[in-house]
């Protein structure tokens, strides 16, 4: 895949996760005007090594 396609996939994943985070907050009664993109990026970065390790274990 080319770099543009990979970037588009990453953006879509971050946007989806940010939306899920925002929905989870709303379900808990937490109202926010934030897009939650920053939180989604931090979550992905923090869990990156664990996810890659688990993926490698399943191969």
Protein backbone atom coordinates (compact mmCIF):
# COMPACT_ATOMS: atom_id res chain seq x y z
CA UNK A 1 0.00 0.00 0.00
CA UNK A 2 1.16 3.50 -0.66
CA UNK A 3 1.71 6.07 2.08
CA UNK A 4 -1.47 8.02 1.27
CA UNK A 5 -3.62 4.90 1.64
CA UNK A 6 -1.96 4.01 4.96
CA UNK A 7 -2.50 7.55 6.27
CA UNK A 8 -6.15 7.45 5.23
CA UNK A 9 -6.64 4.15 7.06
CA UNK A 10 -4.99 5.55 10.19
CA UNK A 11 -7.14 8.69 10.09
CA UNK A 12 -10.27 6.55 9.73
CA UNK A 13 -9.25 4.39 12.69
CA UNK A 14 -8.51 7.40 14.90
CA UNK A 15 -11.79 9.08 13.91
CA UNK A 16 -13.74 5.90 14.66
CA UNK A 17 -12.07 5.43 18.04
CA UNK A 18 -12.58 9.12 18.91
CA UNK A 19 -16.27 8.79 18.09
CA UNK A 20 -16.54 5.69 20.29
CA UNK A 21 -14.79 7.48 23.16
CA UNK A 22 -17.16 10.45 22.83
CA UNK A 23 -20.18 8.13 22.77
CA UNK A 24 -18.92 6.26 25.86
CA UNK A 25 -18.54 9.57 27.70
CA UNK A 26 -22.06 10.61 26.67
CA UNK A 27 -23.43 7.30 27.93
CA UNK A 28 -21.86 8.11 31.31
CA UNK A 29 -23.48 11.55 31.28
CA UNK A 30 -20.24 13.38 30.47
CA UNK A 31 -20.86 16.21 28.02
CA UNK A 32 -17.92 17.50 25.99
CA UNK A 33 -17.33 19.71 22.99
CA UNK A 34 -13.96 18.05 22.44
CA UNK A 35 -13.61 15.73 19.44
CA UNK A 36 -11.71 13.20 21.61
CA UNK A 37 -9.16 12.77 18.80
CA UNK A 38 -6.26 13.54 21.16
CA UNK A 39 -7.47 10.92 23.60
CA UNK A 40 -7.84 8.39 20.78
CA UNK A 41 -4.29 9.06 19.55
CA UNK A 42 -2.88 8.69 23.08
CA UNK A 43 -4.79 5.45 23.60
CA UNK A 44 -3.49 4.01 20.34
CA UNK A 45 0.08 5.08 21.10
CA UNK A 46 -0.05 3.67 24.64
CA UNK A 47 -1.42 0.31 23.52
CA UNK A 48 0.61 -0.03 20.31
CA UNK A 49 3.33 -2.34 21.63
CA UNK A 50 0.89 -4.62 23.46
CA UNK A 51 -1.35 -4.93 20.41
CA UNK A 52 1.57 -5.69 18.09
CA UNK A 53 2.91 -8.28 20.56
CA UNK A 54 -0.46 -10.02 20.76
CA UNK A 55 -0.81 -9.98 16.99
CA UNK A 56 2.63 -11.57 16.65
CA UNK A 57 1.61 -14.30 19.11
CA UNK A 58 -1.36 -15.27 16.95
CA UNK A 59 0.70 -15.76 13.79
